[in-house]
Amino acid sequence: MSLALGALAGVALDAWLGEVRRWHPLVGFGRLAQRIECWLNGAPGRGGRARGVAGWCLAVLPPVALAGWLGMHLGWWWDALALYFALGLKSLGQHARPVAQALRLGQL
């Protein structure tokens, strides 16, 4: 029941507030992933499967573990907040409307 409540609340927050304008967690994650990639690979094109796996482990596992721990300790409202930050449904609609209109008008 709490998972459903968190999901509904996260979607409602996204519909109400839209995307975060400053300090968006996914933008921060992208910057972190880019730094890890540069640190592990050095110059672009130098890498390998082992470095890719190490980069994934460094970039993905700590935030997922933290989110899981917070979800266990803080309950449904943490799930709602995490979904709100990750969803971006309202923003996706705002960006897709001009593309859909151009397609309808045949203005590719």
PDB file of N, CA and C in Angstrom:
ATOM      1  N   MET A   1       0.823  -1.195   0.000  1.00  0.00           N
ATOM      2  CA  MET A   1       0.000   0.000   0.000  1.00  0.00           C
ATOM      3  C   MET A   1       0.868   1.260   0.000  1.00  0.00           C
ATOM      4  N   SER A   2       1.963   1.227   0.764  1.00  0.00           N
ATOM      5  CA  SER A   2       2.808   2.418   0.824  1.00  0.00           C
ATOM      6  C   SER A   2       3.518   2.655  -0.502  1.00  0.00           C
ATOM      7  N   LEU A   3       3.821   1.578  -1.255  1.00  0.00           N
ATOM      8  CA  LEU A   3       4.447   1.756  -2.561  1.00  0.00           C
ATOM      9  C   LEU A   3       3.486   2.456  -3.520  1.00  0.00           C
ATOM     10  N   ALA A   4       2.228   2.053  -3.500  1.00  0.00           N
ATOM     11  CA  ALA A   4       1.224   2.701  -4.347  1.00  0.00           C
ATOM     12  C   ALA A   4       1.042   4.161  -3.942  1.00  0.00           C
ATOM     13  N   LEU A   5       1.027   4.424  -2.650  1.00  0.00           N
ATOM     14  CA  LEU A   5       0.890   5.801  -2.168  1.00  0.00           C
ATOM     15  C   LEU A   5       2.080   6.642  -2.608  1.00  0.00           C
ATOM     16  N   GLY A   6       3.280   6.100  -2.492  1.00  0.00           N
ATOM     17  CA  GLY A   6       4.474   6.821  -2.928  1.00  0.00           C
ATOM     18  C   GLY A   6       4.464   7.088  -4.423  1.00  0.00           C
ATOM     19  N   ALA A   7       4.013   6.091  -5.220  1.00  0.00           N
ATOM     20  CA  ALA A   7       3.959   6.264  -6.669  1.00  0.00           C
ATOM     21  C   ALA A   7       2.940   7.341  -7.052  1.00  0.00           C
ATOM     22  N   LEU A   8       1.767   7.282  -6.447  1.00  0.00           N
ATOM     23  CA  LEU A   8       0.747   8.300  -6.740  1.00  0.00           C
ATOM     24  C   LEU A   8       1.216   9.692  -6.333  1.00  0.00           C
ATOM     25  N   ALA A   9       1.836   9.782  -5.172  1.00  0.00           N
ATOM     26  CA  ALA A   9       2.316  11.079  -4.700  1.00  0.00           C
ATOM     27  C   ALA A   9       3.435  11.607  -5.601  1.00  0.00           C
ATOM     28  N   GLY A  10       4.330  10.732  -6.070  1.00  0.00           N
ATOM     29  CA  GLY A  10       5.410  11.164  -6.963  1.00  0.00           C
ATOM     30  C   GLY A  10       4.895  11.683  -8.284  1.00  0.00           C
ATOM     31  N   VAL A  11       3.915  10.988  -8.861  1.00  0.00           N
ATOM     32  CA  VAL A  11       3.314  11.441 -10.122  1.00  0.00           C
ATOM     33  C   VAL A  11       2.566  12.761  -9.901  1.00  0.00           C
ATOM     34  N   ALA A  12       1.864  12.870  -8.771  1.00  0.00           N
ATOM     35  CA  ALA A  12       1.138  14.108  -8.465  1.00  0.00           C
ATOM     36  C   ALA A  12       2.100  15.281  -8.288  1.00  0.00           C
ATOM     37  N   LEU A  13       3.226  15.056  -7.608  1.00  0.00           N
ATOM     38  CA  LEU A  13       4.222  16.117  -7.445  1.00  0.00           C
ATOM     39  C   LEU A  13       4.753  16.575  -8.803  1.00  0.00           C
ATOM     40  N   ASP A  14       5.022  15.611  -9.691  1.00  0.00           N
ATOM     41  CA  ASP A  14       5.530  15.966 -11.010  1.00  0.00           C
ATOM     42  C   ASP A  14       4.499  16.774 -11.794  1.00  0.00           C
ATOM     43  N   ALA A  15       3.238  16.351 -11.737  1.00  0.00           N
ATOM     44  CA  ALA A  15       2.182  17.078 -12.456  1.00  0.00           C
ATOM     45  C   ALA A  15       1.995  18.480 -11.892  1.00  0.00           C
ATOM     46  N   TRP A  16       2.149  18.618 -10.590  1.00  0.00           N
ATOM     47  CA  TRP A  16       1.924  19.901  -9.923  1.00  0.00           C
ATOM     48  C   TRP A  16       3.120  20.842 -10.065  1.00  0.00           C
ATOM     49  N   LEU A  17       4.321  20.340  -9.788  1.00  0.00           N
ATOM     50  CA  LEU A  17       5.502  21.198  -9.726  1.00  0.00           C
ATOM     51  C   LEU A  17       6.316  21.230 -11.012  1.00  0.00           C
ATOM     52  N   GLY A  18       6.249  20.186 -11.819  1.00  0.00           N
ATOM     53  CA  GLY A  18       7.113  20.109 -12.995  1.00  0.00           C
ATOM     54  C   GLY A  18       8.537  19.781 -12.582  1.00  0.00           C
ATOM     55  N   GLU A  19       9.441  19.947 -13.513  1.00  0.00           N
ATOM     56  CA  GLU A  19      10.837  19.593 -13.264  1.00  0.00           C
ATOM     57  C   GLU A  19      11.533  20.629 -12.393  1.00  0.00           C
ATOM     58  N   VAL A  20      12.449  20.166 -11.567  1.00  0.00           N
ATOM     59  CA  VAL A  20      13.248  21.033 -10.706  1.00  0.00           C
ATOM     60  C   VAL A  20      14.124  21.914 -11.587  1.00  0.00           C
ATOM     61  N   ARG A  21      14.138  23.208 -11.347  1.00  0.00           N
ATOM     62  CA  ARG A  21      14.899  24.140 -12.188  1.00  0.00           C
ATOM     63  C   ARG A  21      16.379  24.200 -11.818  1.00  0.00           C
ATOM     64  N   ARG A  22      16.663  24.119 -10.517  1.00  0.00           N
ATOM     65  CA  ARG A  22      18.054  24.215 -10.049  1.00  0.00           C
ATOM     66  C   ARG A  22      18.366  23.012  -9.186  1.00  0.00           C
ATOM     67  N   TRP A  23      19.626  22.594  -9.232  1.00  0.00           N
ATOM     68  CA  TRP A  23      20.112  21.510  -8.383  1.00  0.00           C
ATOM     69  C   TRP A  23      19.373  20.198  -8.645  1.00  0.00           C
ATOM     70  N   HIS A  24      19.116  19.894  -9.905  1.00  0.00           N
ATOM     71  CA  HIS A  24      18.401  18.663 -10.240  1.00  0.00           C
ATOM     72  C   HIS A  24      19.326  17.467  -9.967  1.00  0.00           C
ATOM     73  N   PRO A  25      18.847  16.471  -9.235  1.00  0.00           N
ATOM     74  CA  PRO A  25      19.697  15.326  -8.900  1.00  0.00           C
ATOM     75  C   PRO A  25      20.184  14.549 -10.120  1.00  0.00           C
ATOM     76  N   LEU A  26      19.395  14.452 -11.169  1.00  0.00           N
ATOM     77  CA  LEU A  26      19.840  13.704 -12.344  1.00  0.00           C
ATOM     78  C   LEU A  26      20.927  14.449 -13.116  1.00  0.00           C
ATOM     79  N   VAL A  27      20.896  15.772 -13.082  1.00  0.00           N
ATOM     80  CA  VAL A  27      21.977  16.554 -13.691  1.00  0.00           C
ATOM     81  C   VAL A  27      23.267  16.325 -12.898  1.00  0.00           C
ATOM     82  N   GLY A  28      23.149  16.325 -11.581  1.00  0.00           N
ATOM     83  CA  GLY A  28      24.310  16.027 -10.739  1.00  0.00           C
ATOM     84  C   GLY A  28      24.854  14.637 -10.986  1.00  0.00           C
ATOM     85  N   PHE A  29      23.957  13.659 -11.174  1.00  0.00           N
ATOM     86  CA  PHE A  29      24.399  12.300 -11.465  1.00  0.00           C
ATOM     87  C   PHE A  29      25.140  12.253 -12.801  1.00  0.00           C
ATOM     88  N   GLY A  30      24.636  12.970 -13.791  1.00  0.00           N
ATOM     89  CA  GLY A  30      25.307  13.000 -15.089  1.00  0.00           C
ATOM     90  C   GLY A  30      26.705  13.584 -14.996  1.00  0.00           C
ATOM     91  N   ARG A  31      26.859  14.624 -14.222  1.00  0.00           N
ATOM     92  CA  ARG A  31      28.188  15.229 -14.034  1.00  0.00           C
ATOM     93  C   ARG A  31      29.127  14.277 -13.309  1.00  0.00           C
ATOM     94  N   LEU A  32      28.592  13.596 -12.281  1.00  0.00           N
ATOM     95  CA  LEU A  32      29.396  12.610 -11.560  1.00  0.00           C
ATOM     96  C   LEU A  32      29.834  11.492 -12.494  1.00  0.00           C
ATOM     97  N   ALA A  33      28.919  10.969 -13.298  1.00  0.00           N
ATOM     98  CA  ALA A  33      29.246   9.886 -14.225  1.00  0.00           C
ATOM     99  C   ALA A  33      30.307  10.332 -15.230  1.00  0.00           C
ATOM    100  N   GLN A  34      30.204  11.562 -15.695  1.00  0.00           N
ATOM    101  CA  GLN A  34      31.192  12.080 -16.653  1.00  0.00           C
ATOM    102  C   GLN A  34      32.573  12.179 -16.003  1.00  0.00           C
ATOM    103  N   ARG A  35      32.626  12.643 -14.766  1.00  0.00           N
ATOM    104  CA  ARG A  35      33.918  12.740 -14.068  1.00  0.00           C
ATOM    105  C   ARG A  35      34.522  11.362 -13.845  1.00  0.00           C
ATOM    106  N   ILE A  36      33.685  10.409 -13.463  1.00  0.00           N
ATOM    107  CA  ILE A  36      34.181   9.044 -13.256  1.00  0.00           C
ATOM    108  C   ILE A  36      34.709   8.480 -14.564  1.00  0.00           C
ATOM    109  N   GLU A  37      33.988   8.710 -15.653  1.00  0.00           N
ATOM    110  CA  GLU A  37      34.427   8.222 -16.964  1.00  0.00           C
ATOM    111  C   GLU A  37      35.770   8.829 -17.356  1.00  0.00           C
ATOM    112  N   CYS A  38      35.918  10.124 -17.172  1.00  0.00           N
ATOM    113  CA  CYS A  38      37.188  10.780 -17.508  1.00  0.00           C
ATOM    114  C   CYS A  38      38.319  10.271 -16.631  1.00  0.00           C
ATOM    115  N   TRP A  39      38.036  10.051 -15.372  1.00  0.00           N
ATOM    116  CA  TRP A  39      39.051   9.571 -14.438  1.00  0.00           C
ATOM    117  C   TRP A  39      39.494   8.164 -14.801  1.00  0.00           C
ATOM    118  N   LEU A  40      38.548   7.313 -15.161  1.00  0.00           N
ATOM    119  CA  LEU A  40      38.896   5.920 -15.469  1.00  0.00           C
ATOM    120  C   LEU A  40      39.511   5.756 -16.850  1.00  0.00           C
ATOM    121  N   ASN A  41      39.041   6.510 -17.824  1.00  0.00           N
ATOM    122  CA  ASN A  41      39.479   6.302 -19.202  1.00  0.00           C
ATOM    123  C   ASN A  41      40.568   7.241 -19.661  1.00  0.00           C
ATOM    124  N   GLY A  42      40.745   8.361 -18.979  1.00  0.00           N
ATOM    125  CA  GLY A  42      41.712   9.334 -19.456  1.00  0.00           C
ATOM    126  C   GLY A  42      41.210   9.945 -20.742  1.00  0.00           C
ATOM    127  N   ALA A  43      41.907   9.722 -21.815  1.00  0.00           N
ATOM    128  CA  ALA A  43      41.500  10.261 -23.114  1.00  0.00           C
ATOM    129  C   ALA A  43      40.302   9.477 -23.645  1.00  0.00           C
ATOM    130  N   PRO A  44      39.411  10.132 -24.394  1.00  0.00           N
ATOM    131  CA  PRO A  44      38.268   9.427 -24.980  1.00  0.00           C
ATOM    132  C   PRO A  44      38.726   8.263 -25.857  1.00  0.00           C
ATOM    133  N   GLY A  45      38.001   7.177 -25.794  1.00  0.00           N
ATOM    134  CA  GLY A  45      38.333   6.015 -26.603  1.00  0.00           C
ATOM    135  C   GLY A  45      39.221   5.012 -25.900  1.00  0.00           C
ATOM    136  N   ARG A  46      39.849   5.415 -24.815  1.00  0.00           N
ATOM    137  CA  ARG A  46      40.685   4.484 -24.048  1.00  0.00           C
ATOM    138  C   ARG A  46      39.839   3.923 -22.927  1.00  0.00           C
ATOM    139  N   GLY A  47      39.648   2.696 -22.910  1.00  0.00           N
ATOM    140  CA  GLY A  47      38.838   2.093 -21.865  1.00  0.00           C
ATOM    141  C   GLY A  47      38.813   0.610 -22.054  1.00  0.00           C
ATOM    142  N   GLY A  48      37.758   0.054 -21.681  1.00  0.00           N
ATOM    143  CA  GLY A  48      37.603  -1.375 -21.801  1.00  0.00           C
ATOM    144  C   GLY A  48      36.462  -1.813 -20.917  1.00  0.00           C
ATOM    145  N   ARG A  49      36.143  -3.071 -21.058  1.00  0.00           N
ATOM    146  CA  ARG A  49      35.015  -3.613 -20.313  1.00  0.00           C
ATOM    147  C   ARG A  49      35.231  -3.495 -18.802  1.00  0.00           C
ATOM    148  N   ALA A  50      36.417  -3.799 -18.330  1.00  0.00           N
ATOM    149  CA  ALA A  50      36.674  -3.744 -16.879  1.00  0.00           C
ATOM    150  C   ALA A  50      36.521  -2.316 -16.357  1.00  0.00           C
ATOM    151  N   ARG A  51      37.011  -1.355 -17.108  1.00  0.00           N
ATOM    152  CA  ARG A  51      36.856   0.043 -16.684  1.00  0.00           C
ATOM    153  C   ARG A  51      35.401   0.478 -16.744  1.00  0.00           C
ATOM    154  N   GLY A  52      34.666  -0.015 -17.729  1.00  0.00           N
ATOM    155  CA  GLY A  52      33.240   0.296 -17.824  1.00  0.00           C
ATOM    156  C   GLY A  52      32.468  -0.271 -16.647  1.00  0.00           C
ATOM    157  N   VAL A  53      32.774  -1.496 -16.277  1.00  0.00           N
ATOM    158  CA  VAL A  53      32.112  -2.112 -15.121  1.00  0.00           C
ATOM    159  C   VAL A  53      32.485  -1.369 -13.847  1.00  0.00           C
ATOM    160  N   ALA A  54      33.746  -1.007 -13.708  1.00  0.00           N
ATOM    161  CA  ALA A  54      34.176  -0.249 -12.523  1.00  0.00           C
ATOM    162  C   ALA A  54      33.467   1.105 -12.475  1.00  0.00           C
ATOM    163  N   GLY A  55      33.366   1.771 -13.617  1.00  0.00           N
ATOM    164  CA  GLY A  55      32.671   3.059 -13.656  1.00  0.00           C
ATOM    165  C   GLY A  55      31.211   2.920 -13.278  1.00  0.00           C
ATOM    166  N   TRP A  56      30.563   1.882 -13.799  1.00  0.00           N
ATOM    167  CA  TRP A  56      29.155   1.644 -13.463  1.00  0.00           C
ATOM    168  C   TRP A  56      29.013   1.404 -11.965  1.00  0.00           C
ATOM    169  N   CYS A  57      29.898   0.585 -11.409  1.00  0.00           N
ATOM    170  CA  CYS A  57      29.828   0.300  -9.968  1.00  0.00           C
ATOM    171  C   CYS A  57      30.021   1.566  -9.136  1.00  0.00           C
ATOM    172  N   LEU A  58      30.956   2.413  -9.546  1.00  0.00           N
ATOM    173  CA  LEU A  58      31.212   3.653  -8.808  1.00  0.00           C
ATOM    174  C   LEU A  58      30.073   4.660  -8.955  1.00  0.00           C
ATOM    175  N   ALA A  59      29.464   4.718 -10.128  1.00  0.00           N
ATOM    176  CA  ALA A  59      28.425   5.727 -10.378  1.00  0.00           C
ATOM    177  C   ALA A  59      27.044   5.277  -9.922  1.00  0.00           C
ATOM    178  N   VAL A  60      26.728   4.006 -10.059  1.00  0.00           N
ATOM    179  CA  VAL A  60      25.356   3.548  -9.848  1.00  0.00           C
ATOM    180  C   VAL A  60      25.134   2.933  -8.471  1.00  0.00           C
ATOM    181  N   LEU A  61      26.034   2.070  -8.034  1.00  0.00           N
ATOM    182  CA  LEU A  61      25.771   1.336  -6.787  1.00  0.00           C
ATOM    183  C   LEU A  61      25.633   2.220  -5.544  1.00  0.00           C
ATOM    184  N   PRO A  62      26.500   3.210  -5.314  1.00  0.00           N
ATOM    185  CA  PRO A  62      26.309   4.030  -4.100  1.00  0.00           C
ATOM    186  C   PRO A  62      24.985   4.786  -4.053  1.00  0.00           C
ATOM    187  N   PRO A  63      24.545   5.467  -5.134  1.00  0.00           N
ATOM    188  CA  PRO A  63      23.246   6.143  -5.042  1.00  0.00           C
ATOM    189  C   PRO A  63      22.069   5.172  -4.891  1.00  0.00           C
ATOM    190  N   VAL A  64      22.149   4.018  -5.538  1.00  0.00           N
ATOM    191  CA  VAL A  64      21.067   3.039  -5.411  1.00  0.00           C
ATOM    192  C   VAL A  64      21.017   2.503  -3.985  1.00  0.00           C
ATOM    193  N   ALA A  65      22.188   2.212  -3.414  1.00  0.00           N
ATOM    194  CA  ALA A  65      22.227   1.727  -2.026  1.00  0.00           C
ATOM    195  C   ALA A  65      21.689   2.794  -1.070  1.00  0.00           C
ATOM    196  N   LEU A  66      22.075   4.040  -1.275  1.00  0.00           N
ATOM    197  CA  LEU A  66      21.583   5.125  -0.428  1.00  0.00           C
ATOM    198  C   LEU A  66      20.073   5.294  -0.564  1.00  0.00           C
ATOM    199  N   ALA A  67      19.575   5.260  -1.797  1.00  0.00           N
ATOM    200  CA  ALA A  67      18.134   5.397  -2.014  1.00  0.00           C
ATOM    201  C   ALA A  67      17.374   4.239  -1.374  1.00  0.00           C
ATOM    202  N   GLY A  68      17.902   3.034  -1.480  1.00  0.00           N
ATOM    203  CA  GLY A  68      17.261   1.888  -0.841  1.00  0.00           C
ATOM    204  C   GLY A  68      17.243   2.016   0.664  1.00  0.00           C
ATOM    205  N   TRP A  69      18.357   2.443   1.232  1.00  0.00           N
ATOM    206  CA  TRP A  69      18.439   2.613   2.687  1.00  0.00           C
ATOM    207  C   TRP A  69      17.455   3.697   3.147  1.00  0.00           C
ATOM    208  N   LEU A  70      17.429   4.821   2.432  1.00  0.00           N
ATOM    209  CA  LEU A  70      16.498   5.892   2.794  1.00  0.00           C
ATOM    210  C   LEU A  70      15.049   5.439   2.656  1.00  0.00           C
ATOM    211  N   GLY A  71      14.764   4.661   1.603  1.00  0.00           N
ATOM    212  CA  GLY A  71      13.411   4.148   1.417  1.00  0.00           C
ATOM    213  C   GLY A  71      12.979   3.250   2.573  1.00  0.00           C
ATOM    214  N   MET A  72      13.899   2.434   3.071  1.00  0.00           N
ATOM    215  CA  MET A  72      13.562   1.552   4.196  1.00  0.00           C
ATOM    216  C   MET A  72      13.331   2.339   5.483  1.00  0.00           C
ATOM    217  N   HIS A  73      14.051   3.434   5.654  1.00  0.00           N
ATOM    218  CA  HIS A  73      13.991   4.174   6.916  1.00  0.00           C
ATOM    219  C   HIS A  73      13.020   5.354   6.906  1.00  0.00           C
ATOM    220  N   LEU A  74      12.732   5.895   5.728  1.00  0.00           N
ATOM    221  CA  LEU A  74      11.901   7.100   5.678  1.00  0.00           C
ATOM    222  C   LEU A  74      10.506   6.855   5.134  1.00  0.00           C
ATOM    223  N   GLY A  75      10.271   5.701   4.520  1.00  0.00           N
ATOM    224  CA  GLY A  75       8.922   5.329   4.120  1.00  0.00           C
ATOM    225  C   GLY A  75       8.483   5.878   2.781  1.00  0.00           C
ATOM    226  N   TRP A  76       7.165   5.910   2.608  1.00  0.00           N
ATOM    227  CA  TRP A  76       6.548   6.210   1.322  1.00  0.00           C
ATOM    228  C   TRP A  76       6.866   7.607   0.819  1.00  0.00           C
ATOM    229  N   TRP A  77       7.050   8.562   1.708  1.00  0.00           N
ATOM    230  CA  TRP A  77       7.290   9.926   1.226  1.00  0.00           C
ATOM    231  C   TRP A  77       8.646  10.038   0.552  1.00  0.00           C
ATOM    232  N   TRP A  78       9.626   9.230   0.969  1.00  0.00           N
ATOM    233  CA  TRP A  78      10.915   9.197   0.278  1.00  0.00           C
ATOM    234  C   TRP A  78      10.738   8.624  -1.132  1.00  0.00           C
ATOM    235  N   ASP A  79       9.917   7.559  -1.243  1.00  0.00           N
ATOM    236  CA  ASP A  79       9.638   6.981  -2.561  1.00  0.00           C
ATOM    237  C   ASP A  79       8.997   8.024  -3.474  1.00  0.00           C
ATOM    238  N   ALA A  80       8.077   8.807  -2.934  1.00  0.00           N
ATOM    239  CA  ALA A  80       7.407   9.848  -3.718  1.00  0.00           C
ATOM    240  C   ALA A  80       8.412  10.894  -4.188  1.00  0.00           C
ATOM    241  N   LEU A  81       9.285  11.331  -3.316  1.00  0.00           N
ATOM    242  CA  LEU A  81      10.282  12.344  -3.666  1.00  0.00           C
ATOM    243  C   LEU A  81      11.266  11.809  -4.704  1.00  0.00           C
ATOM    244  N   ALA A  82      11.724  10.578  -4.529  1.00  0.00           N
ATOM    245  CA  ALA A  82      12.662   9.984  -5.488  1.00  0.00           C
ATOM    246  C   ALA A  82      12.012   9.842  -6.867  1.00  0.00           C
ATOM    247  N   LEU A  83      10.761   9.409  -6.905  1.00  0.00           N
ATOM    248  CA  LEU A  83      10.063   9.284  -8.181  1.00  0.00           C
ATOM    249  C   LEU A  83       9.857  10.650  -8.819  1.00  0.00           C
ATOM    250  N   TYR A  84       9.523  11.647  -8.030  1.00  0.00           N
ATOM    251  CA  TYR A  84       9.345  13.006  -8.552  1.00  0.00           C
ATOM    252  C   TYR A  84      10.622  13.492  -9.245  1.00  0.00           C
ATOM    253  N   PHE A  85      11.774  13.271  -8.607  1.00  0.00           N
ATOM    254  CA  PHE A  85      13.030  13.727  -9.197  1.00  0.00           C
ATOM    255  C   PHE A  85      13.391  12.942 -10.459  1.00  0.00           C
ATOM    256  N   ALA A  86      12.988  11.687 -10.547  1.00  0.00           N
ATOM    257  CA  ALA A  86      13.378  10.846 -11.674  1.00  0.00           C
ATOM    258  C   ALA A  86      12.381  10.870 -12.825  1.00  0.00           C
ATOM    259  N   LEU A  87      11.151  11.284 -12.597  1.00  0.00           N
ATOM    260  CA  LEU A  87      10.095  11.097 -13.577  1.00  0.00           C
ATOM    261  C   LEU A  87      10.172  12.074 -14.748  1.00  0.00           C
ATOM    262  N   GLY A  88       9.979  13.341 -14.514  1.00  0.00           N
ATOM    263  CA  GLY A  88      10.037  14.349 -15.570  1.00  0.00           C
ATOM    264  C   GLY A  88       8.941  14.230 -16.614  1.00  0.00           C
ATOM    265  N   LEU A  89       7.791  13.679 -16.247  1.00  0.00           N
ATOM    266  CA  LEU A  89       6.715  13.476 -17.212  1.00  0.00           C
ATOM    267  C   LEU A  89       6.161  14.796 -17.747  1.00  0.00           C
ATOM    268  N   LYS A  90       5.975  15.772 -16.884  1.00  0.00           N
ATOM    269  CA  LYS A  90       5.462  17.074 -17.330  1.00  0.00           C
ATOM    270  C   LYS A  90       6.456  17.734 -18.288  1.00  0.00           C
ATOM    271  N   SER A  91       7.731  17.673 -17.958  1.00  0.00           N
ATOM    272  CA  SER A  91       8.756  18.260 -18.810  1.00  0.00           C
ATOM    273  C   SER A  91       8.823  17.545 -20.158  1.00  0.00           C
ATOM    274  N   LEU A  92       8.686  16.229 -20.145  1.00  0.00           N
ATOM    275  CA  LEU A  92       8.698  15.478 -21.392  1.00  0.00           C
ATOM    276  C   LEU A  92       7.545  15.918 -22.298  1.00  0.00           C
ATOM    277  N   GLY A  93       6.381  16.107 -21.714  1.00  0.00           N
ATOM    278  CA  GLY A  93       5.237  16.590 -22.492  1.00  0.00           C
ATOM    279  C   GLY A  93       5.483  17.971 -23.061  1.00  0.00           C
ATOM    280  N   GLN A  94       6.096  18.846 -22.273  1.00  0.00           N
ATOM    281  CA  GLN A  94       6.376  20.198 -22.743  1.00  0.00           C
ATOM    282  C   GLN A  94       7.355  20.193 -23.917  1.00  0.00           C
ATOM    283  N   HIS A  95       8.317  19.280 -23.903  1.00  0.00           N
ATOM    284  CA  HIS A  95       9.292  19.207 -24.985  1.00  0.00           C
ATOM    285  C   HIS A  95       8.740  18.460 -26.196  1.00  0.00           C
ATOM    286  N   ALA A  96       7.832  17.544 -25.984  1.00  0.00           N
ATOM    287  CA  ALA A  96       7.312  16.733 -27.087  1.00  0.00           C
ATOM    288  C   ALA A  96       6.240  17.461 -27.903  1.00  0.00           C
ATOM    289  N   ARG A  97       5.505  18.381 -27.279  1.00  0.00           N
ATOM    290  CA  ARG A  97       4.426  19.074 -27.995  1.00  0.00           C
ATOM    291  C   ARG A  97       4.905  19.800 -29.252  1.00  0.00           C
ATOM    292  N   PRO A  98       5.988  20.600 -29.205  1.00  0.00           N
ATOM    293  CA  PRO A  98       6.430  21.267 -30.438  1.00  0.00           C
ATOM    294  C   PRO A  98       6.870  20.274 -31.518  1.00  0.00           C
ATOM    295  N   VAL A  99       7.467  19.164 -31.123  1.00  0.00           N
ATOM    296  CA  VAL A  99       7.876  18.157 -32.102  1.00  0.00           C
ATOM    297  C   VAL A  99       6.648  17.533 -32.751  1.00  0.00           C
ATOM    298  N   ALA A 100       5.646  17.192 -31.933  1.00  0.00           N
ATOM    299  CA  ALA A 100       4.415  16.605 -32.461  1.00  0.00           C
ATOM    300  C   ALA A 100       3.714  17.582 -33.404  1.00  0.00           C
ATOM    301  N   GLN A 101       3.690  18.849 -33.065  1.00  0.00           N
ATOM    302  CA  GLN A 101       3.046  19.847 -33.920  1.00  0.00           C
ATOM    303  C   GLN A 101       3.783  19.970 -35.254  1.00  0.00           C
ATOM    304  N   ALA A 102       5.102  19.988 -35.209  1.00  0.00           N
ATOM    305  CA  ALA A 102       5.884  20.063 -36.448  1.00  0.00           C
ATOM    306  C   ALA A 102       5.643  18.839 -37.321  1.00  0.00           C
ATOM    307  N   LEU A 103       5.520  17.682 -36.702  1.00  0.00           N
ATOM    308  CA  LEU A 103       5.231  16.465 -37.461  1.00  0.00           C
ATOM    309  C   LEU A 103       3.851  16.533 -38.109  1.00  0.00           C
ATOM    310  N   ARG A 104       2.873  17.021 -37.353  1.00  0.00           N
ATOM    311  CA  ARG A 104       1.513  17.152 -37.916  1.00  0.00           C
ATOM    312  C   ARG A 104       1.485  18.100 -39.103  1.00  0.00           C
ATOM    313  N   LEU A 105       2.277  19.149 -39.040  1.00  0.00           N
ATOM    314  CA  LEU A 105       2.318  20.150 -40.118  1.00  0.00           C
ATOM    315  C   LEU A 105       3.258  19.764 -41.257  1.00  0.00           C
ATOM    316  N   GLY A 106       3.955  18.640 -41.094  1.00  0.00           N
ATOM    317  CA  GLY A 106       4.885  18.189 -42.114  1.00  0.00           C
ATOM    318  C   GLY A 106       6.140  19.027 -42.205  1.00  0.00           C
ATOM    319  N   GLN A 107       6.496  19.690 -41.113  1.00  0.00           N
ATOM    320  CA  GLN A 107       7.675  20.557 -41.081  1.00  0.00           C
ATOM    321  C   GLN A 107       8.827  19.848 -40.351  1.00  0.00           C
ATOM    322  N   LEU A 108       9.351  18.837 -40.995  1.00  0.00           N
ATOM    323  CA  LEU A 108      10.448  18.096 -40.382  1.00  0.00           C
ATOM    324  C   LEU A 108      11.734  18.874 -40.458  1.00  0.00           C
TER     325      LEU A 108
END
